[in-house]
Amino acid sequence: MRILFAAIRVVIAVSIVSAVLGQLVTSVTFWSARNPDLLGTTLANFFSFFTIQSNLAAAITLAIGSVVLLRGRGEDPRWFAVLMTSIATYMVTTGIVYNVLLRGIELDPGLSQPWSNEVVHAIAPAYLLLDRLFAPGRRPLPSRSIGIVVIFPLAWAAYTLLRAPLVTSPSTGTAGWYPYPFLDPRLSDSGYLSVVFFVVLLALVIATVGLGVLWLSRRAVGSMRTTTA
């Protein structure tokens, strides 16, 4: 079972990297044709999306996880259990938000890769959740671990809000680029009050998903121990 899940983790990690690279080439080609002087900004913007950062972190974590599975015999180290739970939370949140709110939005055909979208927004998030439920070696974590899980999303929000006003938008050529509309204070009459609301809401959603992942993982581990006892 360990060899099987180690192999699956490698396959998913490679799929994620391929999807991100495919979308990167598409995005750079699209925006370079419109504003070639902002290639560096386009690259930085691409890697500033929460979805991209989460998926790259997932690929790295899964690669590490395959080694952990092959080398270990008992429960995963605590640091890896916390890391895997955090990444699963980010990916599941990404999948839920995209498939519930954004899937029906049409994008310029030259700006998106349909297969890449499916990998980073559906296949990879689904696997990360399944991994937390069924992979051997899972270590159950207490609910207080959620405090660690929410650190990265809050740091990402702070980075985004500090960087955004300093960046030139490739689409307009003017100052100010935000990866997601709800983080742009210019789009709301409430300004930054609206942004604070959505950041808090995002943190609550991620915390809720994280607590759900922790709970499901504990139940799955408990059921497995009961079955094998």
C-alpha atoms as a PDB file:
ATOM      1  CA  MET A   1       0.000   0.000   0.000  1.00  0.00           C
ATOM      2  CA  ARG A   2       2.859   2.394   0.802  1.00  0.00           C
ATOM      3  CA  ILE A   3       4.447   1.805  -2.601  1.00  0.00           C
ATOM      4  CA  LEU A   4       1.101   2.386  -4.329  1.00  0.00           C
ATOM      5  CA  PHE A   5       0.424   5.696  -2.580  1.00  0.00           C
ATOM      6  CA  ALA A   6       4.040   6.805  -3.049  1.00  0.00           C
ATOM      7  CA  ALA A   7       3.652   6.217  -6.788  1.00  0.00           C
ATOM      8  CA  ILE A   8       0.305   8.034  -6.910  1.00  0.00           C
ATOM      9  CA  ARG A   9       1.798  11.005  -5.067  1.00  0.00           C
ATOM     10  CA  VAL A  10       4.588  11.235  -7.639  1.00  0.00           C
ATOM     11  CA  VAL A  11       2.098  11.035 -10.522  1.00  0.00           C
ATOM     12  CA  ILE A  12      -0.087  13.786  -9.048  1.00  0.00           C
ATOM     13  CA  ALA A  13       2.966  15.952  -8.298  1.00  0.00           C
ATOM     14  CA  VAL A  14       4.204  15.628 -11.889  1.00  0.00           C
ATOM     15  CA  SER A  15       0.690  16.358 -13.188  1.00  0.00           C
ATOM     16  CA  ILE A  16       0.492  19.524 -11.091  1.00  0.00           C
ATOM     17  CA  VAL A  17       3.881  20.793 -12.253  1.00  0.00           C
ATOM     18  CA  SER A  18       2.948  20.052 -15.878  1.00  0.00           C
ATOM     19  CA  ALA A  19      -0.361  21.892 -15.488  1.00  0.00           C
ATOM     20  CA  VAL A  20       1.268  24.931 -13.885  1.00  0.00           C
ATOM     21  CA  LEU A  21       3.957  25.073 -16.568  1.00  0.00           C
ATOM     22  CA  GLY A  22       1.336  24.719 -19.296  1.00  0.00           C
ATOM     23  CA  GLN A  23      -0.680  27.610 -17.878  1.00  0.00           C
ATOM     24  CA  LEU A  24       2.489  29.652 -17.353  1.00  0.00           C
ATOM     25  CA  VAL A  25       3.441  29.376 -21.020  1.00  0.00           C
ATOM     26  CA  THR A  26      -0.112  30.269 -22.051  1.00  0.00           C
ATOM     27  CA  SER A  27      -0.282  33.286 -19.727  1.00  0.00           C
ATOM     28  CA  VAL A  28       3.142  34.631 -20.682  1.00  0.00           C
ATOM     29  CA  THR A  29       2.369  34.239 -24.387  1.00  0.00           C
ATOM     30  CA  PHE A  30      -0.986  35.992 -23.984  1.00  0.00           C
ATOM     31  CA  TRP A  31       0.221  38.985 -21.971  1.00  0.00           C
ATOM     32  CA  SER A  32       3.570  39.374 -23.758  1.00  0.00           C
ATOM     33  CA  ALA A  33       1.733  39.856 -27.032  1.00  0.00           C
ATOM     34  CA  ARG A  34      -0.181  42.735 -25.450  1.00  0.00           C
ATOM     35  CA  ASN A  35       2.503  44.330 -23.288  1.00  0.00           C
ATOM     36  CA  PRO A  36       5.976  42.838 -23.908  1.00  0.00           C
ATOM     37  CA  ASP A  37       7.680  45.393 -21.642  1.00  0.00           C
ATOM     38  CA  LEU A  38       6.002  43.872 -18.583  1.00  0.00           C
ATOM     39  CA  LEU A  39       7.250  40.287 -18.930  1.00  0.00           C
ATOM     40  CA  GLY A  40       8.866  40.325 -15.482  1.00  0.00           C
ATOM     41  CA  THR A  41       5.680  41.669 -13.933  1.00  0.00           C
ATOM     42  CA  THR A  42       3.616  39.042 -15.752  1.00  0.00           C
ATOM     43  CA  LEU A  43       5.795  36.272 -14.330  1.00  0.00           C
ATOM     44  CA  ALA A  44       5.634  37.702 -10.806  1.00  0.00           C
ATOM     45  CA  ASN A  45       1.863  38.116 -11.072  1.00  0.00           C
ATOM     46  CA  PHE A  46       1.420  34.530 -12.225  1.00  0.00           C
ATOM     47  CA  PHE A  47       3.267  33.156  -9.232  1.00  0.00           C
ATOM     48  CA  SER A  48       1.337  35.482  -6.903  1.00  0.00           C
ATOM     49  CA  PHE A  49      -1.972  33.648  -7.362  1.00  0.00           C
ATOM     50  CA  PHE A  50      -3.015  31.648  -4.312  1.00  0.00           C
ATOM     51  CA  THR A  51      -4.012  28.790  -6.609  1.00  0.00           C
ATOM     52  CA  ILE A  52      -0.571  28.611  -8.208  1.00  0.00           C
ATOM     53  CA  GLN A  53       1.298  28.853  -4.913  1.00  0.00           C
ATOM     54  CA  SER A  54      -0.929  26.208  -3.324  1.00  0.00           C
ATOM     55  CA  ASN A  55      -0.490  23.824  -6.235  1.00  0.00           C
ATOM     56  CA  LEU A  56       3.281  24.209  -6.345  1.00  0.00           C
ATOM     57  CA  ALA A  57       3.417  23.664  -2.589  1.00  0.00           C
ATOM     58  CA  ALA A  58       1.231  20.585  -3.078  1.00  0.00           C
ATOM     59  CA  ALA A  59       3.578  19.187  -5.731  1.00  0.00           C
ATOM     60  CA  ILE A  60       6.606  19.642  -3.465  1.00  0.00           C
ATOM     61  CA  THR A  61       4.770  18.192  -0.464  1.00  0.00           C
ATOM     62  CA  LEU A  62       3.588  15.150  -2.416  1.00  0.00           C
ATOM     63  CA  ALA A  63       7.116  14.520  -3.670  1.00  0.00           C
ATOM     64  CA  ILE A  64       8.401  14.684  -0.092  1.00  0.00           C
ATOM     65  CA  GLY A  65       5.489  12.515   0.988  1.00  0.00           C
ATOM     66  CA  SER A  66       6.428   9.757  -1.418  1.00  0.00           C
ATOM     67  CA  VAL A  67       9.863   9.579   0.217  1.00  0.00           C
ATOM     68  CA  VAL A  68       8.307   9.638   3.697  1.00  0.00           C
ATOM     69  CA  LEU A  69       6.088   6.705   2.743  1.00  0.00           C
ATOM     70  CA  LEU A  70       8.912   4.619   1.326  1.00  0.00           C
ATOM     71  CA  ARG A  71      11.288   5.276   4.222  1.00  0.00           C
ATOM     72  CA  GLY A  72       8.833   5.050   7.098  1.00  0.00           C
ATOM     73  CA  ARG A  73       6.973   2.151   8.643  1.00  0.00           C
ATOM     74  CA  GLY A  74       4.835   3.765  11.324  1.00  0.00           C
ATOM     75  CA  GLU A  75       3.008   7.087  11.538  1.00  0.00           C
ATOM     76  CA  ASP A  76       4.194  10.102   9.566  1.00  0.00           C
ATOM     77  CA  PRO A  77       6.412  12.602  11.403  1.00  0.00           C
ATOM     78  CA  ARG A  78       4.363  15.341  13.056  1.00  0.00           C
ATOM     79  CA  TRP A  79       5.899  18.065  10.873  1.00  0.00           C
ATOM     80  CA  PHE A  80       4.810  16.230   7.735  1.00  0.00           C
ATOM     81  CA  ALA A  81       1.315  15.595   9.083  1.00  0.00           C
ATOM     82  CA  VAL A  82       0.906  19.323   9.762  1.00  0.00           C
ATOM     83  CA  LEU A  83       2.335  20.219   6.346  1.00  0.00           C
ATOM     84  CA  MET A  84       0.121  17.745   4.504  1.00  0.00           C
ATOM     85  CA  THR A  85      -2.985  18.878   6.380  1.00  0.00           C
ATOM     86  CA  SER A  86      -2.210  22.522   5.589  1.00  0.00           C
ATOM     87  CA  ILE A  87      -1.682  21.847   1.896  1.00  0.00           C
ATOM     88  CA  ALA A  88      -4.810  19.696   1.694  1.00  0.00           C
ATOM     89  CA  THR A  89      -6.785  22.537   3.284  1.00  0.00           C
ATOM     90  CA  TYR A  90      -5.527  25.106   0.778  1.00  0.00           C
ATOM     91  CA  MET A  91      -6.169  22.813  -2.166  1.00  0.00           C
ATOM     92  CA  VAL A  92      -9.647  21.777  -1.056  1.00  0.00           C
ATOM     93  CA  THR A  93     -10.542  25.440  -0.474  1.00  0.00           C
ATOM     94  CA  THR A  94      -9.249  26.302  -3.945  1.00  0.00           C
ATOM     95  CA  GLY A  95     -11.305  23.498  -5.454  1.00  0.00           C
ATOM     96  CA  ILE A  96     -14.493  24.489  -3.643  1.00  0.00           C
ATOM     97  CA  VAL A  97     -14.225  28.196  -4.497  1.00  0.00           C
ATOM     98  CA  TYR A  98     -13.439  27.538  -8.162  1.00  0.00           C
ATOM     99  CA  ASN A  99     -16.063  24.872  -8.779  1.00  0.00           C
ATOM    100  CA  VAL A 100     -18.824  26.651  -6.855  1.00  0.00           C
ATOM    101  CA  LEU A 101     -18.198  30.277  -7.849  1.00  0.00           C
ATOM    102  CA  LEU A 102     -15.857  30.515 -10.821  1.00  0.00           C
ATOM    103  CA  ARG A 103     -16.276  27.500 -13.091  1.00  0.00           C
ATOM    104  CA  GLY A 104     -18.974  29.117 -15.224  1.00  0.00           C
ATOM    105  CA  ILE A 105     -17.006  32.313 -15.891  1.00  0.00           C
ATOM    106  CA  GLU A 106     -15.763  32.507 -19.474  1.00  0.00           C
ATOM    107  CA  LEU A 107     -12.156  33.549 -20.038  1.00  0.00           C
ATOM    108  CA  ASP A 108     -10.381  34.635 -23.186  1.00  0.00           C
ATOM    109  CA  PRO A 109      -9.590  31.382 -25.063  1.00  0.00           C
ATOM    110  CA  GLY A 110      -5.981  32.489 -25.391  1.00  0.00           C
ATOM    111  CA  LEU A 111      -5.575  33.017 -21.647  1.00  0.00           C
ATOM    112  CA  SER A 112      -6.523  29.639 -20.201  1.00  0.00           C
ATOM    113  CA  GLN A 113      -5.667  25.976 -20.620  1.00  0.00           C
ATOM    114  CA  PRO A 114      -8.775  23.839 -19.958  1.00  0.00           C
ATOM    115  CA  TRP A 115      -6.807  20.716 -19.016  1.00  0.00           C
ATOM    116  CA  SER A 116      -4.575  22.728 -16.690  1.00  0.00           C
ATOM    117  CA  ASN A 117      -7.626  24.233 -14.987  1.00  0.00           C
ATOM    118  CA  GLU A 118      -9.015  20.762 -14.336  1.00  0.00           C
ATOM    119  CA  VAL A 119      -5.773  19.536 -12.796  1.00  0.00           C
ATOM    120  CA  VAL A 120      -5.185  22.473 -10.432  1.00  0.00           C
ATOM    121  CA  HIS A 121      -8.838  23.115  -9.534  1.00  0.00           C
ATOM    122  CA  ALA A 122     -10.374  19.622  -9.490  1.00  0.00           C
ATOM    123  CA  ILE A 123      -8.071  16.615  -9.809  1.00  0.00           C
ATOM    124  CA  ALA A 124      -5.307  17.744  -7.449  1.00  0.00           C
ATOM    125  CA  PRO A 125      -7.659  19.073  -4.720  1.00  0.00           C
ATOM    126  CA  ALA A 126      -9.703  15.868  -4.843  1.00  0.00           C
ATOM    127  CA  TYR A 127      -6.597  13.732  -4.514  1.00  0.00           C
ATOM    128  CA  LEU A 128      -5.212  15.737  -1.576  1.00  0.00           C
ATOM    129  CA  LEU A 129      -8.451  15.112   0.325  1.00  0.00           C
ATOM    130  CA  LEU A 130      -8.442  11.410  -0.554  1.00  0.00           C
ATOM    131  CA  ASP A 131      -4.812  11.175   0.527  1.00  0.00           C
ATOM    132  CA  ARG A 132      -5.698  12.555   3.954  1.00  0.00           C
ATOM    133  CA  LEU A 133      -8.425   9.931   4.256  1.00  0.00           C
ATOM    134  CA  PHE A 134      -6.731   6.799   2.949  1.00  0.00           C
ATOM    135  CA  ALA A 135      -2.937   7.091   2.693  1.00  0.00           C
ATOM    136  CA  PRO A 136      -1.011   4.821   5.080  1.00  0.00           C
ATOM    137  CA  GLY A 137       0.967   6.381   7.907  1.00  0.00           C
ATOM    138  CA  ARG A 138      -1.403   9.284   8.560  1.00  0.00           C
ATOM    139  CA  ARG A 139      -0.923  10.849  11.986  1.00  0.00           C
ATOM    140  CA  PRO A 140      -4.088  12.268  13.611  1.00  0.00           C
ATOM    141  CA  LEU A 141      -3.721  15.895  14.671  1.00  0.00           C
ATOM    142  CA  PRO A 142      -5.623  17.903  17.307  1.00  0.00           C
ATOM    143  CA  SER A 143      -7.955  20.712  16.265  1.00  0.00           C
ATOM    144  CA  ARG A 144      -5.559  23.323  17.657  1.00  0.00           C
ATOM    145  CA  SER A 145      -3.309  22.596  14.664  1.00  0.00           C
ATOM    146  CA  ILE A 146      -5.615  24.910  12.713  1.00  0.00           C
ATOM    147  CA  GLY A 147      -3.598  27.826  14.097  1.00  0.00           C
ATOM    148  CA  ILE A 148      -0.667  26.714  11.951  1.00  0.00           C
ATOM    149  CA  VAL A 149      -2.853  26.024   8.917  1.00  0.00           C
ATOM    150  CA  VAL A 150      -4.131  29.623   8.631  1.00  0.00           C
ATOM    151  CA  ILE A 151      -0.675  31.263   8.827  1.00  0.00           C
ATOM    152  CA  PHE A 152       0.146  30.973   5.124  1.00  0.00           C
ATOM    153  CA  PRO A 153      -3.194  32.312   3.782  1.00  0.00           C
ATOM    154  CA  LEU A 154      -2.960  35.353   6.060  1.00  0.00           C
ATOM    155  CA  ALA A 155       0.669  35.939   5.027  1.00  0.00           C
ATOM    156  CA  TRP A 156      -0.365  35.621   1.377  1.00  0.00           C
ATOM    157  CA  ALA A 157      -3.140  38.198   1.859  1.00  0.00           C
ATOM    158  CA  ALA A 158      -0.701  40.623   3.503  1.00  0.00           C
ATOM    159  CA  TYR A 159       1.848  40.126   0.706  1.00  0.00           C
ATOM    160  CA  THR A 160      -0.813  40.667  -1.937  1.00  0.00           C
ATOM    161  CA  LEU A 161      -2.194  43.859  -0.403  1.00  0.00           C
ATOM    162  CA  LEU A 162       1.273  45.345   0.120  1.00  0.00           C
ATOM    163  CA  ARG A 163       2.477  44.453  -3.376  1.00  0.00           C
ATOM    164  CA  ALA A 164      -0.649  45.203  -5.417  1.00  0.00           C
ATOM    165  CA  PRO A 165      -0.541  49.045  -5.424  1.00  0.00           C
ATOM    166  CA  LEU A 166       3.117  48.971  -6.520  1.00  0.00           C
ATOM    167  CA  VAL A 167       2.556  46.758  -9.566  1.00  0.00           C
ATOM    168  CA  THR A 168       1.639  47.837 -13.080  1.00  0.00           C
ATOM    169  CA  SER A 169      -1.297  45.885 -14.458  1.00  0.00           C
ATOM    170  CA  PRO A 170      -0.402  44.195 -17.788  1.00  0.00           C
ATOM    171  CA  SER A 171      -4.011  44.503 -18.949  1.00  0.00           C
ATOM    172  CA  THR A 172      -4.380  48.270 -18.394  1.00  0.00           C
ATOM    173  CA  GLY A 173      -0.827  49.576 -18.099  1.00  0.00           C
ATOM    174  CA  THR A 174      -1.803  51.484 -14.957  1.00  0.00           C
ATOM    175  CA  ALA A 175      -0.702  51.069 -11.338  1.00  0.00           C
ATOM    176  CA  GLY A 176      -2.461  48.457  -9.246  1.00  0.00           C
ATOM    177  CA  TRP A 177      -2.790  44.723  -9.884  1.00  0.00           C
ATOM    178  CA  TYR A 178      -4.861  42.387  -7.706  1.00  0.00           C
ATOM    179  CA  PRO A 179      -5.048  38.626  -8.377  1.00  0.00           C
ATOM    180  CA  TYR A 180      -8.700  38.481  -7.308  1.00  0.00           C
ATOM    181  CA  PRO A 181     -11.343  41.247  -7.608  1.00  0.00           C
ATOM    182  CA  PHE A 182     -12.493  40.985  -3.977  1.00  0.00           C
ATOM    183  CA  LEU A 183      -9.048  42.163  -2.843  1.00  0.00           C
ATOM    184  CA  ASP A 184      -9.185  45.344  -4.936  1.00  0.00           C
ATOM    185  CA  PRO A 185     -10.389  48.274  -2.777  1.00  0.00           C
ATOM    186  CA  ARG A 186     -11.048  50.334  -5.920  1.00  0.00           C
ATOM    187  CA  LEU A 187     -13.946  48.075  -6.887  1.00  0.00           C
ATOM    188  CA  SER A 188     -16.016  48.715  -3.760  1.00  0.00           C
ATOM    189  CA  ASP A 189     -17.549  51.859  -2.311  1.00  0.00           C
ATOM    190  CA  SER A 190     -16.346  50.625   1.089  1.00  0.00           C
ATOM    191  CA  GLY A 191     -12.719  50.545  -0.058  1.00  0.00           C
ATOM    192  CA  TYR A 192     -10.393  48.701   2.293  1.00  0.00           C
ATOM    193  CA  LEU A 193     -13.259  47.928   4.676  1.00  0.00           C
ATOM    194  CA  SER A 194     -14.610  45.596   2.012  1.00  0.00           C
ATOM    195  CA  VAL A 195     -11.155  44.057   1.574  1.00  0.00           C
ATOM    196  CA  VAL A 196     -10.823  43.434   5.318  1.00  0.00           C
ATOM    197  CA  PHE A 197     -14.231  41.769   5.301  1.00  0.00           C
ATOM    198  CA  PHE A 198     -13.261  39.389   2.519  1.00  0.00           C
ATOM    199  CA  VAL A 199      -9.866  38.611   4.060  1.00  0.00           C
ATOM    200  CA  VAL A 200     -11.561  37.703   7.347  1.00  0.00           C
ATOM    201  CA  LEU A 201     -14.146  35.681   5.434  1.00  0.00           C
ATOM    202  CA  LEU A 202     -11.377  33.881   3.542  1.00  0.00           C
ATOM    203  CA  ALA A 203      -9.614  33.069   6.807  1.00  0.00           C
ATOM    204  CA  LEU A 204     -12.856  31.707   8.284  1.00  0.00           C
ATOM    205  CA  VAL A 205     -13.533  29.575   5.212  1.00  0.00           C
ATOM    206  CA  ILE A 206     -10.009  28.154   5.256  1.00  0.00           C
ATOM    207  CA  ALA A 207     -10.211  27.534   9.002  1.00  0.00           C
ATOM    208  CA  THR A 208     -13.545  25.747   8.550  1.00  0.00           C
ATOM    209  CA  VAL A 209     -12.202  23.594   5.728  1.00  0.00           C
ATOM    210  CA  GLY A 210      -9.064  22.902   7.753  1.00  0.00           C
ATOM    211  CA  LEU A 211     -11.060  21.794  10.785  1.00  0.00           C
ATOM    212  CA  GLY A 212     -13.085  19.560   8.488  1.00  0.00           C
ATOM    213  CA  VAL A 213      -9.936  17.997   7.034  1.00  0.00           C
ATOM    214  CA  LEU A 214      -8.539  17.441  10.543  1.00  0.00           C
ATOM    215  CA  TRP A 215     -11.796  15.868  11.737  1.00  0.00           C
ATOM    216  CA  LEU A 216     -12.181  13.592   8.706  1.00  0.00           C
ATOM    217  CA  SER A 217      -8.562  12.508   8.970  1.00  0.00           C
ATOM    218  CA  ARG A 218      -8.940  11.640  12.670  1.00  0.00           C
ATOM    219  CA  ARG A 219     -12.094   9.645  11.969  1.00  0.00           C
ATOM    220  CA  ALA A 220     -10.438   7.791   9.103  1.00  0.00           C
ATOM    221  CA  VAL A 221      -7.406   6.919  11.235  1.00  0.00           C
ATOM    222  CA  GLY A 222      -9.639   5.863  14.126  1.00  0.00           C
ATOM    223  CA  SER A 223     -11.715   3.618  11.864  1.00  0.00           C
ATOM    224  CA  MET A 224      -8.577   2.022  10.438  1.00  0.00           C
ATOM    225  CA  ARG A 225      -7.194   1.311  13.913  1.00  0.00           C
ATOM    226  CA  THR A 226     -10.506  -0.193  15.011  1.00  0.00           C
ATOM    227  CA  THR A 227     -10.598  -2.410  11.936  1.00  0.00           C
ATOM    228  CA  THR A 228      -7.052  -3.678  12.409  1.00  0.00           C
ATOM    229  CA  ALA A 229      -7.340  -4.145  16.195  1.00  0.00           C
END
